Amino acid sequence: IMLELLKTSMRATVEYHGIDADYPPIKVVIADGSDNEDVIIKVSDEGGGIPRSNMKRIWSYLFTTADPEIQEGMVAFNENVDHSIDSPLAGLGYGLPISRSYARYFGGDLSIMSMEGYGTDCFVYLTRLGNTREPLPI
């Protein structure tokens, strides 16, 4: 989950500010007080945010804002590309939906708040270990 959120934040920040810019930091805050019901992790970036019209679509599999050339390179077989070395940061549109599914499987959630033109805050809610059961149908 964290790899996906950090990867997405880094890509958005670089794309928004340009290649040779002085990048703003990506901030990670962990709220883990002893009285907290959940452990909450917030990842904040200043990567330009997500348009409100795309907010519902970010949870759909195969939705991506990555360059179509990256997608073609990942899907098409090419003998000259070594994907173990040359792996893009984005492209197929599986990361956020799967991350939210993982969080929910473990009794938590993943939510995203975005300000178009500024940046995005991602919140991962994870329940504390205890007497919770695996959420499988009986």
N, C-alpha and C. Protein backbone atom coordinates (compact mmCIF):
# COMPACT_ATOMS: atom_id res chain seq x y z
N ILE A 1 0.84 -1.20 0.00
CA ILE A 1 0.00 0.00 0.00
C ILE A 1 0.88 1.25 0.00
N MET A 2 1.85 1.28 0.91
CA MET A 2 2.70 2.47 1.02
C MET A 2 3.56 2.66 -0.22
N LEU A 3 4.06 1.57 -0.78
CA LEU A 3 4.85 1.70 -2.00
C LEU A 3 4.03 2.37 -3.10
N GLU A 4 2.79 1.95 -3.26
CA GLU A 4 1.93 2.52 -4.29
C GLU A 4 1.68 4.00 -4.05
N LEU A 5 1.38 4.37 -2.82
CA LEU A 5 1.09 5.78 -2.51
C LEU A 5 2.32 6.66 -2.70
N LEU A 6 3.47 6.19 -2.24
CA LEU A 6 4.69 6.98 -2.40
C LEU A 6 5.09 7.08 -3.87
N LYS A 7 4.97 5.99 -4.60
CA LYS A 7 5.29 5.98 -6.02
C LYS A 7 4.40 6.96 -6.79
N THR A 8 3.10 6.92 -6.49
CA THR A 8 2.16 7.81 -7.16
C THR A 8 2.45 9.27 -6.82
N SER A 9 2.75 9.54 -5.55
CA SER A 9 3.07 10.91 -5.14
C SER A 9 4.35 11.42 -5.80
N MET A 10 5.36 10.57 -5.88
CA MET A 10 6.61 10.98 -6.52
C MET A 10 6.40 11.27 -8.01
N ARG A 11 5.67 10.40 -8.68
CA ARG A 11 5.42 10.61 -10.10
C ARG A 11 4.65 11.89 -10.34
N ALA A 12 3.61 12.14 -9.53
CA ALA A 12 2.80 13.35 -9.69
C ALA A 12 3.64 14.61 -9.43
N THR A 13 4.48 14.56 -8.42
CA THR A 13 5.31 15.72 -8.08
C THR A 13 6.29 16.04 -9.20
N VAL A 14 6.95 15.02 -9.74
CA VAL A 14 7.91 15.24 -10.83
C VAL A 14 7.19 15.74 -12.08
N GLU A 15 6.06 15.14 -12.42
CA GLU A 15 5.33 15.57 -13.62
C GLU A 15 4.80 16.99 -13.48
N TYR A 16 4.37 17.37 -12.28
CA TYR A 16 3.79 18.69 -12.08
C TYR A 16 4.86 19.78 -12.06
N HIS A 17 6.00 19.52 -11.43
CA HIS A 17 7.03 20.55 -11.25
C HIS A 17 8.10 20.52 -12.33
N GLY A 18 8.18 19.47 -13.12
CA GLY A 18 9.19 19.40 -14.18
C GLY A 18 10.41 18.63 -13.73
N ILE A 19 11.22 18.24 -14.70
CA ILE A 19 12.35 17.35 -14.44
C ILE A 19 13.42 17.98 -13.55
N ASP A 20 13.84 19.19 -13.84
CA ASP A 20 14.97 19.77 -13.11
C ASP A 20 14.53 20.79 -12.06
N ALA A 21 13.36 20.60 -11.48
CA ALA A 21 12.83 21.54 -10.50
C ALA A 21 13.36 21.23 -9.10
N ASP A 22 13.13 22.16 -8.21
CA ASP A 22 13.39 21.95 -6.79
C ASP A 22 12.09 21.41 -6.20
N TYR A 23 12.03 20.11 -5.97
CA TYR A 23 10.79 19.46 -5.61
C TYR A 23 10.40 19.71 -4.15
N PRO A 24 9.11 19.94 -3.92
CA PRO A 24 8.64 20.01 -2.53
C PRO A 24 8.66 18.60 -1.93
N PRO A 25 8.79 18.50 -0.63
CA PRO A 25 8.86 17.15 -0.02
C PRO A 25 7.51 16.45 -0.05
N ILE A 26 7.58 15.14 -0.09
CA ILE A 26 6.39 14.31 0.12
C ILE A 26 6.40 13.97 1.60
N LYS A 27 5.33 14.33 2.29
CA LYS A 27 5.29 14.18 3.75
C LYS A 27 4.49 12.95 4.14
N VAL A 28 5.03 12.21 5.10
CA VAL A 28 4.35 11.04 5.64
C VAL A 28 4.18 11.27 7.14
N VAL A 29 2.94 11.17 7.60
CA VAL A 29 2.62 11.33 9.02
C VAL A 29 1.95 10.04 9.48
N ILE A 30 2.40 9.52 10.62
CA ILE A 30 1.81 8.31 11.19
C ILE A 30 1.20 8.68 12.53
N ALA A 31 -0.11 8.49 12.66
CA ALA A 31 -0.83 8.74 13.91
C ALA A 31 -1.05 7.39 14.58
N ASP A 32 -0.30 7.16 15.64
CA ASP A 32 -0.32 5.86 16.30
C ASP A 32 -0.36 6.04 17.81
N GLY A 33 -1.27 6.87 18.28
CA GLY A 33 -1.39 7.05 19.72
C GLY A 33 -1.92 5.80 20.39
N SER A 34 -1.58 5.60 21.64
CA SER A 34 -2.02 4.39 22.34
C SER A 34 -3.53 4.32 22.50
N ASP A 35 -4.21 5.46 22.48
CA ASP A 35 -5.67 5.47 22.61
C ASP A 35 -6.39 5.45 21.26
N ASN A 36 -5.65 5.51 20.17
CA ASN A 36 -6.27 5.53 18.84
C ASN A 36 -6.90 4.18 18.51
N GLU A 37 -8.05 4.22 17.89
CA GLU A 37 -8.71 3.01 17.42
C GLU A 37 -7.95 2.41 16.25
N ASP A 38 -7.45 3.25 15.36
CA ASP A 38 -6.72 2.83 14.18
C ASP A 38 -5.32 3.41 14.17
N VAL A 39 -4.46 2.82 13.36
CA VAL A 39 -3.21 3.46 12.98
C VAL A 39 -3.51 4.15 11.65
N ILE A 40 -3.25 5.46 11.59
CA ILE A 40 -3.54 6.22 10.38
C ILE A 40 -2.24 6.74 9.80
N ILE A 41 -2.07 6.53 8.51
CA ILE A 41 -0.89 7.02 7.81
C ILE A 41 -1.37 7.99 6.74
N LYS A 42 -0.78 9.18 6.76
CA LYS A 42 -1.14 10.19 5.75
C LYS A 42 0.07 10.45 4.87
N VAL A 43 -0.13 10.40 3.56
CA VAL A 43 0.90 10.74 2.58
C VAL A 43 0.42 11.98 1.84
N SER A 44 1.20 13.06 1.93
CA SER A 44 0.82 14.34 1.30
C SER A 44 1.85 14.73 0.26
N ASP A 45 1.35 15.18 -0.88
CA ASP A 45 2.25 15.67 -1.91
C ASP A 45 1.74 17.00 -2.45
N GLU A 46 2.60 17.67 -3.19
CA GLU A 46 2.24 18.89 -3.90
C GLU A 46 2.44 18.65 -5.39
N GLY A 47 1.80 17.59 -5.87
CA GLY A 47 1.96 17.15 -7.24
C GLY A 47 0.85 17.59 -8.18
N GLY A 48 0.17 18.67 -7.84
CA GLY A 48 -0.83 19.20 -8.76
C GLY A 48 -2.24 18.71 -8.55
N GLY A 49 -2.42 17.68 -7.74
CA GLY A 49 -3.75 17.20 -7.42
C GLY A 49 -4.42 16.44 -8.54
N ILE A 50 -5.64 16.02 -8.26
CA ILE A 50 -6.44 15.23 -9.19
C ILE A 50 -7.70 16.04 -9.51
N PRO A 51 -8.05 16.18 -10.78
CA PRO A 51 -9.29 16.88 -11.11
C PRO A 51 -10.49 16.17 -10.46
N ARG A 52 -11.43 16.95 -9.97
CA ARG A 52 -12.60 16.38 -9.30
C ARG A 52 -13.34 15.41 -10.20
N SER A 53 -13.33 15.67 -11.50
CA SER A 53 -14.02 14.78 -12.44
C SER A 53 -13.37 13.39 -12.52
N ASN A 54 -12.14 13.25 -12.07
CA ASN A 54 -11.45 11.96 -12.08
C ASN A 54 -11.50 11.23 -10.75
N MET A 55 -12.01 11.85 -9.70
CA MET A 55 -11.92 11.26 -8.36
C MET A 55 -12.60 9.90 -8.26
N LYS A 56 -13.76 9.72 -8.84
CA LYS A 56 -14.42 8.41 -8.78
C LYS A 56 -13.69 7.39 -9.64
N ARG A 57 -13.06 7.85 -10.70
CA ARG A 57 -12.40 6.94 -11.63
C ARG A 57 -11.09 6.38 -11.10
N ILE A 58 -10.47 7.03 -10.11
CA ILE A 58 -9.17 6.53 -9.62
C ILE A 58 -9.30 5.16 -8.96
N TRP A 59 -10.51 4.77 -8.56
CA TRP A 59 -10.71 3.46 -7.93
C TRP A 59 -11.07 2.39 -8.96
N SER A 60 -11.13 2.76 -10.22
CA SER A 60 -11.46 1.80 -11.28
C SER A 60 -10.18 1.15 -11.82
N TYR A 61 -10.23 -0.16 -11.96
CA TYR A 61 -9.10 -0.86 -12.55
C TYR A 61 -8.92 -0.39 -13.99
N LEU A 62 -7.69 -0.28 -14.40
CA LEU A 62 -7.25 0.14 -15.73
C LEU A 62 -7.34 1.65 -15.97
N PHE A 63 -7.81 2.43 -14.99
CA PHE A 63 -7.77 3.88 -15.16
C PHE A 63 -6.38 4.36 -14.78
N THR A 64 -5.77 5.13 -15.66
CA THR A 64 -4.44 5.67 -15.39
C THR A 64 -4.30 7.03 -16.05
N THR A 65 -3.45 7.84 -15.47
CA THR A 65 -3.12 9.13 -16.08
C THR A 65 -1.74 9.08 -16.71
N ALA A 66 -1.15 7.90 -16.73
CA ALA A 66 0.19 7.75 -17.30
C ALA A 66 0.17 7.94 -18.81
N ASP A 67 1.30 8.30 -19.34
CA ASP A 67 1.49 8.47 -20.77
C ASP A 67 1.14 7.16 -21.49
N PRO A 68 0.32 7.22 -22.55
CA PRO A 68 -0.05 6.00 -23.28
C PRO A 68 1.14 5.20 -23.80
N GLU A 69 2.26 5.85 -24.08
CA GLU A 69 3.46 5.12 -24.54
C GLU A 69 3.96 4.17 -23.46
N ILE A 70 3.83 4.56 -22.19
CA ILE A 70 4.24 3.68 -21.09
C ILE A 70 3.36 2.45 -21.07
N GLN A 71 2.07 2.65 -21.24
CA GLN A 71 1.14 1.52 -21.26
C GLN A 71 1.47 0.56 -22.40
N GLU A 72 1.70 1.10 -23.57
CA GLU A 72 2.02 0.24 -24.71
C GLU A 72 3.29 -0.55 -24.46
N GLY A 73 4.28 0.07 -23.85
CA GLY A 73 5.53 -0.61 -23.55
C GLY A 73 5.37 -1.72 -22.53
N MET A 74 4.43 -1.55 -21.58
CA MET A 74 4.22 -2.57 -20.56
C MET A 74 3.40 -3.74 -21.08
N VAL A 75 2.45 -3.46 -21.93
CA VAL A 75 1.54 -4.50 -22.41
C VAL A 75 2.14 -5.27 -23.57
N ALA A 76 2.77 -4.57 -24.49
CA ALA A 76 3.33 -5.22 -25.68
C ALA A 76 4.63 -5.94 -25.33
N PHE A 77 4.81 -7.09 -25.94
CA PHE A 77 6.05 -7.84 -25.76
C PHE A 77 7.12 -7.23 -26.63
N ASN A 78 8.27 -6.98 -26.02
CA ASN A 78 9.38 -6.40 -26.76
C ASN A 78 10.66 -7.07 -26.27
N GLU A 79 11.37 -7.74 -27.14
CA GLU A 79 12.60 -8.44 -26.77
C GLU A 79 13.69 -7.49 -26.31
N ASN A 80 13.64 -6.22 -26.75
CA ASN A 80 14.71 -5.28 -26.45
C ASN A 80 14.54 -4.57 -25.11
N VAL A 81 13.46 -4.82 -24.40
CA VAL A 81 13.21 -4.15 -23.13
C VAL A 81 13.34 -5.15 -22.00
N ASP A 82 14.18 -4.83 -21.05
CA ASP A 82 14.35 -5.66 -19.86
C ASP A 82 13.53 -5.03 -18.74
N HIS A 83 12.32 -5.55 -18.48
CA HIS A 83 11.44 -4.96 -17.49
C HIS A 83 11.95 -5.13 -16.07
N SER A 84 12.93 -5.99 -15.85
CA SER A 84 13.49 -6.10 -14.51
C SER A 84 14.39 -4.90 -14.20
N ILE A 85 14.84 -4.19 -15.22
CA ILE A 85 15.67 -3.00 -15.04
C ILE A 85 14.89 -1.75 -15.38
N ASP A 86 14.18 -1.78 -16.49
CA ASP A 86 13.49 -0.61 -17.02
C ASP A 86 12.00 -0.70 -16.70
N SER A 87 11.64 -0.50 -15.43
CA SER A 87 10.26 -0.61 -15.01
C SER A 87 9.69 0.78 -14.74
N PRO A 88 8.57 1.14 -15.39
CA PRO A 88 8.00 2.46 -15.18
C PRO A 88 7.34 2.59 -13.81
N LEU A 89 7.17 3.83 -13.35
CA LEU A 89 6.52 4.07 -12.07
C LEU A 89 5.01 3.95 -12.15
N ALA A 90 4.45 3.98 -13.32
CA ALA A 90 3.01 3.94 -13.45
C ALA A 90 2.62 3.37 -14.79
N GLY A 91 1.34 3.07 -14.93
CA GLY A 91 0.94 2.71 -16.26
C GLY A 91 -0.25 1.82 -16.42
N LEU A 92 -0.50 0.87 -15.54
CA LEU A 92 -1.55 -0.09 -15.81
C LEU A 92 -2.86 0.17 -15.05
N GLY A 93 -2.84 1.01 -14.04
CA GLY A 93 -4.07 1.36 -13.36
C GLY A 93 -4.57 0.35 -12.35
N TYR A 94 -3.68 -0.43 -11.77
CA TYR A 94 -4.08 -1.42 -10.77
C TYR A 94 -3.71 -1.00 -9.35
N GLY A 95 -2.75 -0.12 -9.19
CA GLY A 95 -2.17 0.17 -7.88
C GLY A 95 -3.13 0.68 -6.83
N LEU A 96 -3.87 1.75 -7.12
CA LEU A 96 -4.77 2.31 -6.11
C LEU A 96 -5.94 1.38 -5.80
N PRO A 97 -6.62 0.80 -6.80
CA PRO A 97 -7.72 -0.11 -6.45
C PRO A 97 -7.27 -1.31 -5.62
N ILE A 98 -6.13 -1.89 -5.95
CA ILE A 98 -5.64 -3.04 -5.18
C ILE A 98 -5.22 -2.60 -3.78
N SER A 99 -4.59 -1.42 -3.66
CA SER A 99 -4.19 -0.93 -2.35
C SER A 99 -5.40 -0.74 -1.45
N ARG A 100 -6.48 -0.18 -1.99
CA ARG A 100 -7.69 0.00 -1.19
C ARG A 100 -8.29 -1.35 -0.81
N SER A 101 -8.24 -2.32 -1.72
CA SER A 101 -8.74 -3.66 -1.40
C SER A 101 -7.92 -4.30 -0.28
N TYR A 102 -6.60 -4.15 -0.31
CA TYR A 102 -5.75 -4.67 0.77
C TYR A 102 -6.11 -4.03 2.10
N ALA A 103 -6.24 -2.71 2.10
CA ALA A 103 -6.56 -2.01 3.35
C ALA A 103 -7.90 -2.50 3.90
N ARG A 104 -8.89 -2.64 3.04
CA ARG A 104 -10.20 -3.09 3.49
C ARG A 104 -10.17 -4.55 3.95
N TYR A 105 -9.37 -5.36 3.29
CA TYR A 105 -9.24 -6.75 3.71
C TYR A 105 -8.74 -6.85 5.14
N PHE A 106 -7.84 -5.97 5.50
CA PHE A 106 -7.29 -5.98 6.86
C PHE A 106 -8.10 -5.12 7.82
N GLY A 107 -9.33 -4.79 7.45
CA GLY A 107 -10.22 -4.08 8.36
C GLY A 107 -10.06 -2.57 8.36
N GLY A 108 -9.34 -2.03 7.40
CA GLY A 108 -9.12 -0.59 7.34
C GLY A 108 -9.73 0.00 6.09
N ASP A 109 -9.11 1.05 5.61
CA ASP A 109 -9.61 1.71 4.40
C ASP A 109 -8.51 2.60 3.84
N LEU A 110 -8.74 3.07 2.64
CA LEU A 110 -7.85 4.02 1.96
C LEU A 110 -8.73 5.10 1.39
N SER A 111 -8.42 6.35 1.71
CA SER A 111 -9.20 7.45 1.14
C SER A 111 -8.23 8.51 0.62
N ILE A 112 -8.72 9.26 -0.34
CA ILE A 112 -7.89 10.28 -0.99
C ILE A 112 -8.67 11.58 -1.06
N MET A 113 -8.01 12.66 -0.64
CA MET A 113 -8.55 14.01 -0.75
C MET A 113 -7.57 14.79 -1.61
N SER A 114 -8.09 15.49 -2.60
CA SER A 114 -7.20 16.18 -3.53
C SER A 114 -7.66 17.60 -3.79
N MET A 115 -6.68 18.47 -3.99
CA MET A 115 -6.93 19.86 -4.38
C MET A 115 -6.28 20.06 -5.74
N GLU A 116 -7.10 20.13 -6.77
CA GLU A 116 -6.57 20.30 -8.12
C GLU A 116 -5.75 21.59 -8.19
N GLY A 117 -4.58 21.49 -8.77
CA GLY A 117 -3.70 22.64 -8.87
C GLY A 117 -2.73 22.76 -7.69
N TYR A 118 -2.89 21.91 -6.68
CA TYR A 118 -1.99 21.94 -5.53
C TYR A 118 -1.40 20.56 -5.23
N GLY A 119 -2.22 19.66 -4.70
CA GLY A 119 -1.68 18.36 -4.32
C GLY A 119 -2.74 17.43 -3.77
N THR A 120 -2.28 16.32 -3.22
CA THR A 120 -3.17 15.25 -2.77
C THR A 120 -2.73 14.73 -1.42
N ASP A 121 -3.73 14.42 -0.59
CA ASP A 121 -3.51 13.75 0.70
C ASP A 121 -4.16 12.38 0.63
N CYS A 122 -3.38 11.35 0.94
CA CYS A 122 -3.89 9.98 0.98
C CYS A 122 -3.87 9.51 2.43
N PHE A 123 -4.94 8.88 2.84
CA PHE A 123 -5.05 8.39 4.22
C PHE A 123 -5.25 6.89 4.20
N VAL A 124 -4.37 6.19 4.92
CA VAL A 124 -4.49 4.74 5.09
C VAL A 124 -4.92 4.51 6.53
N TYR A 125 -6.06 3.85 6.70
CA TYR A 125 -6.56 3.50 8.03
C TYR A 125 -6.36 2.00 8.21
N LEU A 126 -5.65 1.62 9.26
CA LEU A 126 -5.42 0.22 9.55
C LEU A 126 -5.83 -0.06 10.99
N THR A 127 -6.66 -1.08 11.19
CA THR A 127 -7.07 -1.41 12.55
C THR A 127 -5.89 -2.02 13.29
N ARG A 128 -5.91 -1.80 14.57
CA ARG A 128 -4.85 -2.39 15.40
C ARG A 128 -5.06 -3.90 15.48
N LEU A 129 -3.97 -4.61 15.68
CA LEU A 129 -4.09 -6.06 15.85
C LEU A 129 -4.85 -6.33 17.14
N GLY A 130 -5.65 -7.32 17.12
CA GLY A 130 -6.44 -7.64 18.30
C GLY A 130 -7.24 -8.89 18.03
N ASN A 131 -8.50 -8.84 18.39
CA ASN A 131 -9.33 -10.02 18.23
C ASN A 131 -10.19 -9.97 16.99
N THR A 132 -9.77 -9.18 15.97
CA THR A 132 -10.54 -9.13 14.73
C THR A 132 -10.29 -10.40 13.93
N ARG A 133 -11.29 -10.77 13.16
CA ARG A 133 -11.19 -11.98 12.36
C ARG A 133 -10.97 -11.63 10.90
N GLU A 134 -10.47 -12.58 10.17
CA GLU A 134 -10.28 -12.39 8.74
C GLU A 134 -11.65 -12.22 8.08
N PRO A 135 -11.81 -11.16 7.26
CA PRO A 135 -13.14 -10.90 6.70
C PRO A 135 -13.47 -11.77 5.49
N LEU A 136 -13.75 -13.04 5.75
CA LEU A 136 -14.11 -13.97 4.69
C LEU A 136 -15.57 -14.38 4.85
N PRO A 137 -16.26 -14.59 3.74
CA PRO A 137 -17.65 -15.04 3.85
C PRO A 137 -17.72 -16.44 4.42
N ILE A 138 -18.76 -16.69 5.18
CA ILE A 138 -18.91 -18.02 5.81
C ILE A 138 -19.74 -18.92 4.93
